[in-house]
PDB file of N, CA and C in Angstrom:
ATOM      1  N   MET A   1     115.794 105.815 113.051  1.00  0.00           N
ATOM      2  CA  MET A   1     116.801 104.787 113.013  1.00  0.00           C
ATOM      3  C   MET A   1     118.056 105.389 112.372  1.00  0.00           C
ATOM      4  N   ASP A   2     119.185 105.168 112.970  1.00  0.00           N
ATOM      5  CA  ASP A   2     120.441 105.723 112.483  1.00  0.00           C
ATOM      6  C   ASP A   2     120.984 104.857 111.347  1.00  0.00           C
ATOM      7  N   SER A   3     121.006 105.418 110.141  1.00  0.00           N
ATOM      8  CA  SER A   3     121.456 104.661 108.973  1.00  0.00           C
ATOM      9  C   SER A   3     122.969 104.438 108.970  1.00  0.00           C
ATOM     10  N   ASN A   4     123.721 105.098 109.854  1.00  0.00           N
ATOM     11  CA  ASN A   4     125.174 104.897 109.915  1.00  0.00           C
ATOM     12  C   ASN A   4     125.538 103.477 110.325  1.00  0.00           C
ATOM     13  N   ASN A   5     124.611 102.766 110.971  1.00  0.00           N
ATOM     14  CA  ASN A   5     124.883 101.396 111.410  1.00  0.00           C
ATOM     15  C   ASN A   5     124.427 100.345 110.408  1.00  0.00           C
ATOM     16  N   PHE A   6     123.862 100.745 109.273  1.00  0.00           N
ATOM     17  CA  PHE A   6     123.410  99.786 108.267  1.00  0.00           C
ATOM     18  C   PHE A   6     124.616  99.107 107.617  1.00  0.00           C
ATOM     19  N   TYR A   7     124.486  97.823 107.349  1.00  0.00           N
ATOM     20  CA  TYR A   7     125.541  97.100 106.645  1.00  0.00           C
ATOM     21  C   TYR A   7     125.715  97.684 105.248  1.00  0.00           C
ATOM     22  N   ASP A   8     124.610  97.850 104.529  1.00  0.00           N
ATOM     23  CA  ASP A   8     124.624  98.466 103.203  1.00  0.00           C
ATOM     24  C   ASP A   8     123.914  99.810 103.321  1.00  0.00           C
ATOM     25  N   GLN A   9     124.674 100.903 103.321  1.00  0.00           N
ATOM     26  CA  GLN A   9     124.114 102.236 103.525  1.00  0.00           C
ATOM     27  C   GLN A   9     123.648 102.892 102.228  1.00  0.00           C
ATOM     28  N   THR A  10     123.889 102.259 101.087  1.00  0.00           N
ATOM     29  CA  THR A  10     123.517 102.842  99.805  1.00  0.00           C
ATOM     30  C   THR A  10     122.023 103.145  99.756  1.00  0.00           C
ATOM     31  N   GLY A  11     121.691 104.407  99.529  1.00  0.00           N
ATOM     32  CA  GLY A  11     120.299 104.819  99.422  1.00  0.00           C
ATOM     33  C   GLY A  11     119.561 104.889 100.743  1.00  0.00           C
ATOM     34  N   HIS A  12     120.281 104.764 101.868  1.00  0.00           N
ATOM     35  CA  HIS A  12     119.638 104.756 103.178  1.00  0.00           C
ATOM     36  C   HIS A  12     120.237 105.792 104.131  1.00  0.00           C
ATOM     37  N   GLN A  13     120.691 106.918 103.610  1.00  0.00           N
ATOM     38  CA  GLN A  13     121.302 107.916 104.470  1.00  0.00           C
ATOM     39  C   GLN A  13     120.230 108.764 105.163  1.00  0.00           C
ATOM     40  N   ASN A  14     120.461 109.034 106.444  1.00  0.00           N
ATOM     41  CA  ASN A  14     119.575 109.936 107.172  1.00  0.00           C
ATOM     42  C   ASN A  14     119.779 111.346 106.655  1.00  0.00           C
ATOM     43  N   PRO A  15     118.764 112.178 106.741  1.00  0.00           N
ATOM     44  CA  PRO A  15     118.922 113.571 106.318  1.00  0.00           C
ATOM     45  C   PRO A  15     119.956 114.265 107.200  1.00  0.00           C
ATOM     46  N   THR A  16     120.629 115.261 106.635  1.00  0.00           N
ATOM     47  CA  THR A  16     121.663 115.967 107.385  1.00  0.00           C
ATOM     48  C   THR A  16     121.073 116.905 108.424  1.00  0.00           C
ATOM     49  N   LYS A  17     119.868 117.398 108.185  1.00  0.00           N
ATOM     50  CA  LYS A  17     119.195 118.279 109.136  1.00  0.00           C
ATOM     51  C   LYS A  17     117.696 118.165 108.934  1.00  0.00           C
ATOM     52  N   LEU A  18     116.964 118.490 109.963  1.00  0.00           N
ATOM     53  CA  LEU A  18     115.507 118.520 109.879  1.00  0.00           C
ATOM     54  C   LEU A  18     115.065 119.974 109.936  1.00  0.00           C
ATOM     55  N   PRO A  19     114.142 120.376 109.071  1.00  0.00           N
ATOM     56  CA  PRO A  19     113.729 121.776 109.080  1.00  0.00           C
ATOM     57  C   PRO A  19     112.890 122.134 110.303  1.00  0.00           C
ATOM     58  N   PHE A  20     112.225 121.150 110.882  1.00  0.00           N
ATOM     59  CA  PHE A  20     111.376 121.380 112.042  1.00  0.00           C
ATOM     60  C   PHE A  20     111.577 120.248 113.030  1.00  0.00           C
ATOM     61  N   GLU A  21     111.422 120.529 114.276  1.00  0.00           N
ATOM     62  CA  GLU A  21     111.481 119.499 115.314  1.00  0.00           C
ATOM     63  C   GLU A  21     110.112 119.445 115.998  1.00  0.00           C
ATOM     64  N   GLY A  22     109.100 119.007 115.280  1.00  0.00           N
ATOM     65  CA  GLY A  22     107.765 118.919 115.847  1.00  0.00           C
ATOM     66  C   GLY A  22     107.227 120.277 116.272  1.00  0.00           C
ATOM     67  N   GLU A  23     107.509 121.286 115.496  1.00  0.00           N
ATOM     68  CA  GLU A  23     107.080 122.632 115.841  1.00  0.00           C
ATOM     69  C   GLU A  23     105.589 122.807 115.619  1.00  0.00           C
ATOM     70  N   GLU A  24     105.006 123.667 116.408  1.00  0.00           N
ATOM     71  CA  GLU A  24     103.597 123.975 116.284  1.00  0.00           C
ATOM     72  C   GLU A  24     103.460 125.483 116.096  1.00  0.00           C
ATOM     73  N   PHE A  25     102.744 125.872 115.072  1.00  0.00           N
ATOM     74  CA  PHE A  25     102.531 127.274 114.775  1.00  0.00           C
ATOM     75  C   PHE A  25     101.062 127.590 115.015  1.00  0.00           C
ATOM     76  N   LYS A  26     100.808 128.629 115.788  1.00  0.00           N
ATOM     77  CA  LYS A  26      99.428 129.005 116.086  1.00  0.00           C
ATOM     78  C   LYS A  26      99.161 130.419 115.606  1.00  0.00           C
ATOM     79  N   ASN A  27      97.983 130.601 115.078  1.00  0.00           N
ATOM     80  CA  ASN A  27      97.491 131.937 114.731  1.00  0.00           C
ATOM     81  C   ASN A  27      96.469 132.351 115.763  1.00  0.00           C
ATOM     82  N   GLU A  28      96.157 133.621 115.771  1.00  0.00           N
ATOM     83  CA  GLU A  28      95.118 134.116 116.659  1.00  0.00           C
ATOM     84  C   GLU A  28      93.793 133.508 116.226  1.00  0.00           C
ATOM     85  N   VAL A  29      93.024 133.042 117.198  1.00  0.00           N
ATOM     86  CA  VAL A  29      91.717 132.446 116.923  1.00  0.00           C
ATOM     87  C   VAL A  29      90.652 133.386 117.473  1.00  0.00           C
ATOM     88  N   ASN A  30      89.693 133.737 116.632  1.00  0.00           N
ATOM     89  CA  ASN A  30      88.611 134.634 117.034  1.00  0.00           C
ATOM     90  C   ASN A  30      87.268 133.948 116.861  1.00  0.00           C
ATOM     91  N   LEU A  31      86.373 134.240 117.796  1.00  0.00           N
ATOM     92  CA  LEU A  31      84.972 133.844 117.696  1.00  0.00           C
ATOM     93  C   LEU A  31      84.184 135.137 117.712  1.00  0.00           C
ATOM     94  N   GLY A  32      83.790 135.585 116.540  1.00  0.00           N
ATOM     95  CA  GLY A  32      83.137 136.889 116.445  1.00  0.00           C
ATOM     96  C   GLY A  32      84.126 137.976 116.828  1.00  0.00           C
ATOM     97  N   ASN A  33      83.764 138.779 117.817  1.00  0.00           N
ATOM     98  CA  ASN A  33      84.628 139.865 118.281  1.00  0.00           C
ATOM     99  C   ASN A  33      85.563 139.438 119.409  1.00  0.00           C
ATOM    100  N   TYR A  34      85.531 138.158 119.800  1.00  0.00           N
ATOM    101  CA  TYR A  34      86.298 137.692 120.952  1.00  0.00           C
ATOM    102  C   TYR A  34      87.506 136.875 120.505  1.00  0.00           C
ATOM    103  N   SER A  35      88.633 137.124 121.151  1.00  0.00           N
ATOM    104  CA  SER A  35      89.849 136.347 120.896  1.00  0.00           C
ATOM    105  C   SER A  35      89.949 135.228 121.921  1.00  0.00           C
ATOM    106  N   MET A  36      90.420 134.069 121.472  1.00  0.00           N
ATOM    107  CA  MET A  36      90.606 132.931 122.378  1.00  0.00           C
ATOM    108  C   MET A  36      92.047 132.907 122.869  1.00  0.00           C
ATOM    109  N   SER A  37      92.229 132.580 124.141  1.00  0.00           N
ATOM    110  CA  SER A  37      93.574 132.460 124.705  1.00  0.00           C
ATOM    111  C   SER A  37      94.176 131.121 124.290  1.00  0.00           C
ATOM    112  N   ASP A  38      95.495 130.957 124.432  1.00  0.00           N
ATOM    113  CA  ASP A  38      96.145 129.678 124.127  1.00  0.00           C
ATOM    114  C   ASP A  38      95.537 128.554 124.969  1.00  0.00           C
ATOM    115  N   HIS A  39      95.225 128.857 126.235  1.00  0.00           N
ATOM    116  CA  HIS A  39      94.620 127.845 127.106  1.00  0.00           C
ATOM    117  C   HIS A  39      93.266 127.396 126.562  1.00  0.00           C
ATOM    118  N   GLN A  40      92.451 128.336 126.115  1.00  0.00           N
ATOM    119  CA  GLN A  40      91.149 127.989 125.551  1.00  0.00           C
ATOM    120  C   GLN A  40      91.311 127.171 124.271  1.00  0.00           C
ATOM    121  N   ILE A  41      92.260 127.539 123.444  1.00  0.00           N
ATOM    122  CA  ILE A  41      92.503 126.793 122.201  1.00  0.00           C
ATOM    123  C   ILE A  41      92.935 125.373 122.512  1.00  0.00           C
ATOM    124  N   ASP A  42      93.814 125.211 123.515  1.00  0.00           N
ATOM    125  CA  ASP A  42      94.297 123.883 123.898  1.00  0.00           C
ATOM    126  C   ASP A  42      93.184 122.995 124.439  1.00  0.00           C
ATOM    127  N   MET A  43      92.100 123.589 124.909  1.00  0.00           N
ATOM    128  CA  MET A  43      90.973 122.818 125.442  1.00  0.00           C
ATOM    129  C   MET A  43      90.076 122.262 124.342  1.00  0.00           C
ATOM    130  N   LEU A  44      90.225 122.740 123.125  1.00  0.00           N
ATOM    131  CA  LEU A  44      89.412 122.227 122.020  1.00  0.00           C
ATOM    132  C   LEU A  44      89.800 120.784 121.744  1.00  0.00           C
ATOM    133  N   THR A  45      88.823 119.902 121.707  1.00  0.00           N
ATOM    134  CA  THR A  45      89.137 118.480 121.544  1.00  0.00           C
ATOM    135  C   THR A  45      88.474 117.840 120.335  1.00  0.00           C
ATOM    136  N   GLU A  46      87.487 118.467 119.764  1.00  0.00           N
ATOM    137  CA  GLU A  46      86.821 117.879 118.610  1.00  0.00           C
ATOM    138  C   GLU A  46      87.342 118.546 117.345  1.00  0.00           C
ATOM    139  N   TYR A  47      88.051 117.770 116.553  1.00  0.00           N
ATOM    140  CA  TYR A  47      88.672 118.306 115.356  1.00  0.00           C
ATOM    141  C   TYR A  47      87.977 117.770 114.113  1.00  0.00           C
ATOM    142  N   LYS A  48      87.954 118.564 113.093  1.00  0.00           N
ATOM    143  CA  LYS A  48      87.438 118.142 111.796  1.00  0.00           C
ATOM    144  C   LYS A  48      88.568 118.235 110.788  1.00  0.00           C
ATOM    145  N   VAL A  49      88.591 117.300 109.868  1.00  0.00           N
ATOM    146  CA  VAL A  49      89.606 117.316 108.826  1.00  0.00           C
ATOM    147  C   VAL A  49      89.403 118.547 107.956  1.00  0.00           C
ATOM    148  N   PHE A  50      90.460 119.269 107.735  1.00  0.00           N
ATOM    149  CA  PHE A  50      90.421 120.458 106.882  1.00  0.00           C
ATOM    150  C   PHE A  50      90.936 120.079 105.506  1.00  0.00           C
ATOM    151  N   THR A  51      90.112 120.232 104.499  1.00  0.00           N
ATOM    152  CA  THR A  51      90.520 119.975 103.126  1.00  0.00           C
ATOM    153  C   THR A  51      90.574 121.314 102.400  1.00  0.00           C
ATOM    154  N   PRO A  52      91.785 121.807 102.132  1.00  0.00           N
ATOM    155  CA  PRO A  52      91.886 123.120 101.485  1.00  0.00           C
ATOM    156  C   PRO A  52      91.385 123.099 100.046  1.00  0.00           C
ATOM    157  N   SER A  53      90.767 124.195  99.646  1.00  0.00           N
ATOM    158  CA  SER A  53      90.322 124.341  98.256  1.00  0.00           C
ATOM    159  C   SER A  53      91.564 124.485  97.368  1.00  0.00           C
ATOM    160  N   ASP A  54      91.372 124.429  96.067  1.00  0.00           N
ATOM    161  CA  ASP A  54      92.497 124.615  95.141  1.00  0.00           C
ATOM    162  C   ASP A  54      93.191 125.951  95.391  1.00  0.00           C
ATOM    163  N   GLU A  55      92.398 126.992  95.635  1.00  0.00           N
ATOM    164  CA  GLU A  55      92.961 128.318  95.891  1.00  0.00           C
ATOM    165  C   GLU A  55      93.764 128.328  97.198  1.00  0.00           C
ATOM    166  N   GLN A  56      93.242 127.678  98.248  1.00  0.00           N
ATOM    167  CA  GLN A  56      93.953 127.601  99.519  1.00  0.00           C
ATOM    168  C   GLN A  56      95.230 126.780  99.385  1.00  0.00           C
ATOM    169  N   GLN A  57      95.176 125.691  98.610  1.00  0.00           N
ATOM    170  CA  GLN A  57      96.377 124.887  98.383  1.00  0.00           C
ATOM    171  C   GLN A  57      97.469 125.729  97.733  1.00  0.00           C
ATOM    172  N   ALA A  58      97.088 126.508  96.731  1.00  0.00           N
ATOM    173  CA  ALA A  58      98.049 127.364  96.037  1.00  0.00           C
ATOM    174  C   ALA A  58      98.630 128.410  96.984  1.00  0.00           C
ATOM    175  N   THR A  59      97.789 128.981  97.832  1.00  0.00           N
ATOM    176  CA  THR A  59      98.247 129.988  98.790  1.00  0.00           C
ATOM    177  C   THR A  59      99.220 129.380  99.800  1.00  0.00           C
ATOM    178  N   ILE A  60      98.881 128.214 100.344  1.00  0.00           N
ATOM    179  CA  ILE A  60      99.754 127.546 101.322  1.00  0.00           C
ATOM    180  C   ILE A  60     101.084 127.189 100.681  1.00  0.00           C
ATOM    181  N   THR A  61     101.045 126.658  99.459  1.00  0.00           N
ATOM    182  CA  THR A  61     102.281 126.308  98.756  1.00  0.00           C
ATOM    183  C   THR A  61     103.142 127.549  98.549  1.00  0.00           C
ATOM    184  N   LYS A  62     102.525 128.637  98.099  1.00  0.00           N
ATOM    185  CA  LYS A  62     103.268 129.872  97.849  1.00  0.00           C
ATOM    186  C   LYS A  62     103.858 130.422  99.145  1.00  0.00           C
ATOM    187  N   MET A  63     103.058 130.448 100.221  1.00  0.00           N
ATOM    188  CA  MET A  63     103.520 131.010 101.486  1.00  0.00           C
ATOM    189  C   MET A  63     104.640 130.186 102.115  1.00  0.00           C
ATOM    190  N   SER A  64     104.628 128.890 101.922  1.00  0.00           N
ATOM    191  CA  SER A  64     105.636 128.038 102.548  1.00  0.00           C
ATOM    192  C   SER A  64     106.889 127.872 101.696  1.00  0.00           C
ATOM    193  N   SER A  65     106.805 128.159 100.404  1.00  0.00           N
ATOM    194  CA  SER A  65     107.923 127.894  99.495  1.00  0.00           C
ATOM    195  C   SER A  65     109.211 128.633  99.877  1.00  0.00           C
ATOM    196  N   ASP A  66     109.129 129.932 100.155  1.00  0.00           N
ATOM    197  CA  ASP A  66     110.330 130.687 100.503  1.00  0.00           C
ATOM    198  C   ASP A  66     110.972 130.148 101.770  1.00  0.00           C
ATOM    199  N   PHE A  67     110.142 129.873 102.780  1.00  0.00           N
ATOM    200  CA  PHE A  67     110.659 129.360 104.039  1.00  0.00           C
ATOM    201  C   PHE A  67     111.318 127.999 103.845  1.00  0.00           C
ATOM    202  N   LEU A  68     110.627 127.091 103.158  1.00  0.00           N
ATOM    203  CA  LEU A  68     111.191 125.764 102.928  1.00  0.00           C
ATOM    204  C   LEU A  68     112.471 125.843 102.116  1.00  0.00           C
ATOM    205  N   ASN A  69     112.515 126.729 101.126  1.00  0.00           N
ATOM    206  CA  ASN A  69     113.705 126.884 100.300  1.00  0.00           C
ATOM    207  C   ASN A  69     114.890 127.343 101.145  1.00  0.00           C
ATOM    208  N   GLN A  70     114.662 128.259 102.064  1.00  0.00           N
ATOM    209  CA  GLN A  70     115.735 128.724 102.953  1.00  0.00           C
ATOM    210  C   GLN A  70     116.267 127.587 103.816  1.00  0.00           C
ATOM    211  N   MET A  71     115.411 126.617 104.124  1.00  0.00           N
ATOM    212  CA  MET A  71     115.809 125.468 104.934  1.00  0.00           C
ATOM    213  C   MET A  71     116.423 124.355 104.082  1.00  0.00           C
ATOM    214  N   GLY A  72     116.489 124.571 102.746  1.00  0.00           N
ATOM    215  CA  GLY A  72     117.065 123.571 101.855  1.00  0.00           C
ATOM    216  C   GLY A  72     116.069 122.536 101.370  1.00  0.00           C
ATOM    217  N   TYR A  73     114.784 122.880 101.419  1.00  0.00           N
ATOM    218  CA  TYR A  73     113.733 121.951 101.015  1.00  0.00           C
ATOM    219  C   TYR A  73     112.985 122.473  99.795  1.00  0.00           C
ATOM    220  N   ALA A  74     112.432 121.540  99.026  1.00  0.00           N
ATOM    221  CA  ALA A  74     111.648 121.865  97.828  1.00  0.00           C
ATOM    222  C   ALA A  74     110.291 122.428  98.236  1.00  0.00           C
ATOM    223  N   PRO A  75     109.602 123.119  97.314  1.00  0.00           N
ATOM    224  CA  PRO A  75     108.252 123.600  97.624  1.00  0.00           C
ATOM    225  C   PRO A  75     107.335 122.438  98.017  1.00  0.00           C
ATOM    226  N   ALA A  76     106.428 122.708  98.931  1.00  0.00           N
ATOM    227  CA  ALA A  76     105.510 121.671  99.414  1.00  0.00           C
ATOM    228  C   ALA A  76     104.505 121.292  98.329  1.00  0.00           C
ATOM    229  N   GLN A  77     104.126 120.016  98.334  1.00  0.00           N
ATOM    230  CA  GLN A  77     103.088 119.519  97.436  1.00  0.00           C
ATOM    231  C   GLN A  77     101.961 118.941  98.276  1.00  0.00           C
ATOM    232  N   TYR A  78     100.720 119.198  97.856  1.00  0.00           N
ATOM    233  CA  TYR A  78      99.566 118.709  98.596  1.00  0.00           C
ATOM    234  C   TYR A  78      99.383 117.221  98.344  1.00  0.00           C
ATOM    235  N   LYS A  79      99.202 116.444  99.431  1.00  0.00           N
ATOM    236  CA  LYS A  79      99.081 114.986  99.335  1.00  0.00           C
ATOM    237  C   LYS A  79      97.791 114.440  99.939  1.00  0.00           C
ATOM    238  N   GLY A  80      96.700 115.203  99.880  1.00  0.00           N
ATOM    239  CA  GLY A  80      95.413 114.699 100.350  1.00  0.00           C
ATOM    240  C   GLY A  80      95.029 115.166 101.738  1.00  0.00           C
ATOM    241  N   THR A  81      95.847 114.927 102.747  1.00  0.00           N
ATOM    242  CA  THR A  81      95.556 115.405 104.101  1.00  0.00           C
ATOM    243  C   THR A  81      96.720 116.197 104.688  1.00  0.00           C
ATOM    244  N   TYR A  82      97.772 116.395 103.916  1.00  0.00           N
ATOM    245  CA  TYR A  82      98.941 117.123 104.385  1.00  0.00           C
ATOM    246  C   TYR A  82      99.727 117.637 103.191  1.00  0.00           C
ATOM    247  N   PHE A  83     100.656 118.540 103.463  1.00  0.00           N
ATOM    248  CA  PHE A  83     101.604 118.992 102.448  1.00  0.00           C
ATOM    249  C   PHE A  83     102.928 118.318 102.747  1.00  0.00           C
ATOM    250  N   GLU A  84     103.687 118.001 101.722  1.00  0.00           N
ATOM    251  CA  GLU A  84     104.937 117.277 101.897  1.00  0.00           C
ATOM    252  C   GLU A  84     106.051 117.963 101.124  1.00  0.00           C
ATOM    253  N   SER A  85     107.258 117.892 101.687  1.00  0.00           N
ATOM    254  CA  SER A  85     108.440 118.444 101.031  1.00  0.00           C
ATOM    255  C   SER A  85     109.627 117.563 101.382  1.00  0.00           C
ATOM    256  N   ARG A  86     110.692 117.682 100.600  1.00  0.00           N
ATOM    257  CA  ARG A  86     111.936 116.971 100.940  1.00  0.00           C
ATOM    258  C   ARG A  86     113.121 117.798 100.514  1.00  0.00           C
ATOM    259  N   GLU A  87     114.280 117.406 101.008  1.00  0.00           N
ATOM    260  CA  GLU A  87     115.499 118.175 100.756  1.00  0.00           C
ATOM    261  C   GLU A  87     115.714 118.393  99.261  1.00  0.00           C
ATOM    262  N   LEU A  88     116.201 119.582  98.908  1.00  0.00           N
ATOM    263  CA  LEU A  88     116.449 119.914  97.503  1.00  0.00           C
ATOM    264  C   LEU A  88     117.468 118.972  96.865  1.00  0.00           C
ATOM    265  N   ASN A  89     118.433 118.495  97.653  1.00  0.00           N
ATOM    266  CA  ASN A  89     119.469 117.624  97.092  1.00  0.00           C
ATOM    267  C   ASN A  89     119.080 116.148  97.095  1.00  0.00           C
ATOM    268  N   SER A  90     117.824 115.835  97.433  1.00  0.00           N
ATOM    269  CA  SER A  90     117.364 114.453  97.446  1.00  0.00           C
ATOM    270  C   SER A  90     117.319 113.897  96.024  1.00  0.00           C
ATOM    271  N   LYS A  91     117.700 112.626  95.890  1.00  0.00           N
ATOM    272  CA  LYS A  91     117.653 111.969  94.576  1.00  0.00           C
ATOM    273  C   LYS A  91     116.239 111.489  94.247  1.00  0.00           C
ATOM    274  N   ASP A  92     115.387 111.415  95.274  1.00  0.00           N
ATOM    275  CA  ASP A  92     114.024 110.918  95.095  1.00  0.00           C
ATOM    276  C   ASP A  92     113.074 112.074  94.844  1.00  0.00           C
ATOM    277  N   ASN A  93     112.103 111.883  93.945  1.00  0.00           N
ATOM    278  CA  ASN A  93     111.073 112.907  93.794  1.00  0.00           C
ATOM    279  C   ASN A  93     109.881 112.514  94.659  1.00  0.00           C
ATOM    280  N   LEU A  94     109.008 113.466  94.940  1.00  0.00           N
ATOM    281  CA  LEU A  94     107.894 113.218  95.851  1.00  0.00           C
ATOM    282  C   LEU A  94     106.915 112.177  95.331  1.00  0.00           C
ATOM    283  N   GLU A  95     106.822 112.015  94.020  1.00  0.00           N
ATOM    284  CA  GLU A  95     105.912 111.027  93.461  1.00  0.00           C
ATOM    285  C   GLU A  95     106.383 109.601  93.729  1.00  0.00           C
ATOM    286  N   ALA A  96     107.649 109.424  94.085  1.00  0.00           N
ATOM    287  CA  ALA A  96     108.197 108.089  94.319  1.00  0.00           C
ATOM    288  C   ALA A  96     107.739 107.510  95.653  1.00  0.00           C
ATOM    289  N   GLY A  97     107.097 108.301  96.500  1.00  0.00           N
ATOM    290  CA  GLY A  97     106.656 107.826  97.805  1.00  0.00           C
ATOM    291  C   GLY A  97     107.501 108.407  98.919  1.00  0.00           C
ATOM    292  N   ALA A  98     107.083 108.169 100.143  1.00  0.00           N
ATOM    293  CA  ALA A  98     107.751 108.733 101.320  1.00  0.00           C
ATOM    294  C   ALA A  98     109.129 108.122 101.527  1.00  0.00           C
ATOM    295  N   VAL A  99     110.054 108.967 101.962  1.00  0.00           N
ATOM    296  CA  VAL A  99     111.395 108.511 102.316  1.00  0.00           C
ATOM    297  C   VAL A  99     111.788 109.157 103.639  1.00  0.00           C
ATOM    298  N   VAL A 100     112.795 108.603 104.312  1.00  0.00           N
ATOM    299  CA  VAL A 100     113.289 109.177 105.557  1.00  0.00           C
ATOM    300  C   VAL A 100     113.730 110.609 105.299  1.00  0.00           C
ATOM    301  N   GLY A 101     113.320 111.520 106.168  1.00  0.00           N
ATOM    302  CA  GLY A 101     113.701 112.916 106.026  1.00  0.00           C
ATOM    303  C   GLY A 101     112.641 113.809 105.421  1.00  0.00           C
ATOM    304  N   ASP A 102     111.557 113.217 104.895  1.00  0.00           N
ATOM    305  CA  ASP A 102     110.477 114.029 104.362  1.00  0.00           C
ATOM    306  C   ASP A 102     109.897 114.907 105.466  1.00  0.00           C
ATOM    307  N   THR A 103     109.400 116.048 105.074  1.00  0.00           N
ATOM    308  CA  THR A 103     108.732 116.947 105.996  1.00  0.00           C
ATOM    309  C   THR A 103     107.256 117.005 105.614  1.00  0.00           C
ATOM    310  N   ARG A 104     106.391 116.817 106.592  1.00  0.00           N
ATOM    311  CA  ARG A 104     104.947 116.885 106.360  1.00  0.00           C
ATOM    312  C   ARG A 104     104.370 118.023 107.180  1.00  0.00           C
ATOM    313  N   ILE A 105     103.491 118.758 106.552  1.00  0.00           N
ATOM    314  CA  ILE A 105     102.816 119.865 107.206  1.00  0.00           C
ATOM    315  C   ILE A 105     101.330 119.524 107.236  1.00  0.00           C
ATOM    316  N   SER A 106     100.773 119.462 108.426  1.00  0.00           N
ATOM    317  CA  SER A 106      99.345 119.158 108.546  1.00  0.00           C
ATOM    318  C   SER A 106      98.745 120.040 109.624  1.00  0.00           C
ATOM    319  N   TRP A 107      97.425 120.023 109.702  1.00  0.00           N
ATOM    320  CA  TRP A 107      96.727 120.824 110.714  1.00  0.00           C
ATOM    321  C   TRP A 107      95.463 120.122 111.104  1.00  0.00           C
TER     322      TRP A 107
END
Protein backbone atom coordinates (compact mmCIF):
# COMPACT_ATOMS: atom_id res chain seq x y z
CA MET A 1 0.00 0.00 0.00
CA ASP A 2 1.42 3.38 -0.97
CA SER A 3 1.69 5.52 2.17
CA ASN A 4 1.98 8.71 0.05
CA ASN A 5 -1.83 8.72 -0.21
CA PHE A 6 -2.45 8.52 3.56
CA TYR A 7 -4.21 11.50 5.10
CA ASP A 8 -1.88 11.31 8.11
CA GLN A 9 1.50 10.00 6.92
CA THR A 10 3.24 10.34 10.29
CA GLY A 11 4.90 7.02 11.12
CA HIS A 12 3.52 5.38 7.96
CA GLN A 13 6.23 5.96 5.36
CA ASN A 14 7.05 3.19 2.91
CA PRO A 15 10.68 2.09 2.85
CA THR A 16 12.84 3.90 0.32
CA LYS A 17 14.18 0.64 -1.12
CA LEU A 18 13.79 -3.08 -0.66
CA PRO A 19 16.93 -5.18 -0.29
CA PHE A 20 15.34 -8.13 -2.09
CA GLU A 21 12.50 -8.56 -4.54
CA GLY A 22 11.40 -12.09 -3.65
CA GLU A 23 14.82 -13.47 -4.48
CA GLU A 24 15.58 -17.13 -4.13
CA PHE A 25 19.06 -18.38 -3.36
CA LYS A 26 19.94 -22.00 -4.03
CA ASN A 27 22.94 -24.03 -3.02
CA GLU A 28 24.11 -27.23 -4.61
CA VAL A 29 22.11 -30.17 -3.27
CA ASN A 30 23.81 -33.55 -2.98
CA LEU A 31 22.48 -37.00 -2.18
CA GLY A 32 25.57 -38.99 -1.32
CA ASN A 33 27.90 -38.68 -4.31
CA TYR A 34 25.14 -37.42 -6.64
CA SER A 35 24.26 -33.79 -7.36
CA MET A 36 20.64 -32.81 -7.97
CA SER A 37 19.73 -30.56 -10.90
CA ASP A 38 17.57 -27.43 -10.42
CA HIS A 39 14.71 -29.32 -12.09
CA GLN A 40 15.01 -32.19 -9.60
CA ILE A 41 15.13 -29.76 -6.68
CA ASP A 42 12.02 -27.96 -7.96
CA MET A 43 10.18 -31.30 -7.97
CA LEU A 44 10.60 -31.71 -4.21
CA THR A 45 7.22 -31.09 -2.63
CA GLU A 46 7.39 -32.34 0.94
CA TYR A 47 9.06 -29.79 3.15
CA LYS A 48 9.96 -29.94 6.81
CA VAL A 49 10.39 -26.92 9.03
CA PHE A 50 14.07 -26.24 9.62
CA THR A 51 14.87 -25.02 13.12
CA PRO A 52 18.50 -23.91 13.26
CA SER A 53 20.56 -24.73 16.33
CA ASP A 54 22.07 -21.88 18.36
CA GLU A 55 25.35 -22.39 16.48
CA GLN A 56 23.57 -22.31 13.09
CA GLN A 57 21.65 -19.18 14.10
CA ALA A 58 24.92 -17.45 14.97
CA THR A 59 26.48 -18.55 11.68
CA ILE A 60 23.50 -17.34 9.60
CA THR A 61 23.45 -14.01 11.45
CA LYS A 62 27.19 -13.54 10.93
CA MET A 63 27.08 -14.53 7.24
CA SER A 64 24.15 -12.24 6.45
CA SER A 65 25.26 -9.22 8.50
CA ASP A 66 27.79 -7.79 6.02
CA PHE A 67 25.41 -8.19 3.10
CA LEU A 68 22.45 -6.67 4.95
CA ASN A 69 24.63 -3.80 6.19
CA GLN A 70 25.68 -2.99 2.61
CA MET A 71 21.98 -2.82 1.73
CA GLY A 72 21.35 -0.41 4.64
CA TYR A 73 19.77 -3.00 6.94
CA ALA A 74 20.54 -4.06 10.51
CA PRO A 75 21.89 -7.55 11.30
CA ALA A 76 19.21 -10.23 11.12
CA GLN A 77 17.60 -11.54 14.31
CA TYR A 78 16.10 -15.01 14.63
CA LYS A 79 12.32 -14.93 15.18
CA GLY A 80 11.34 -18.60 15.54
CA THR A 81 10.77 -19.64 11.90
CA TYR A 82 12.63 -16.88 10.06
CA PHE A 83 15.30 -14.21 10.42
CA GLU A 84 14.21 -10.58 10.32
CA SER A 85 15.94 -7.28 9.63
CA ARG A 86 14.94 -3.68 9.00
CA GLU A 87 16.49 -0.51 7.67
CA LEU A 88 19.30 0.93 9.80
CA ASN A 89 17.59 4.34 9.85
CA SER A 90 14.29 2.89 11.11
CA LYS A 91 12.94 4.45 14.32
CA ASP A 92 11.42 1.10 15.32
CA ASN A 93 13.42 -1.71 16.89
CA LEU A 94 12.70 -5.33 15.97
CA GLU A 95 11.24 -6.10 19.39
CA ALA A 96 8.43 -3.61 18.72
CA GLY A 97 6.87 -5.96 16.14
CA ALA A 98 6.67 -6.08 12.36
CA VAL A 99 6.50 -2.88 10.34
CA VAL A 100 6.24 -2.12 6.62
CA GLY A 101 9.63 -2.61 5.00
CA ASP A 102 10.90 -5.41 7.23
CA THR A 103 12.92 -8.08 5.49
CA ARG A 104 12.36 -11.72 6.40
CA ILE A 105 14.66 -14.55 5.48
CA SER A 106 13.20 -18.05 5.60
CA TRP A 107 13.78 -21.44 4.02
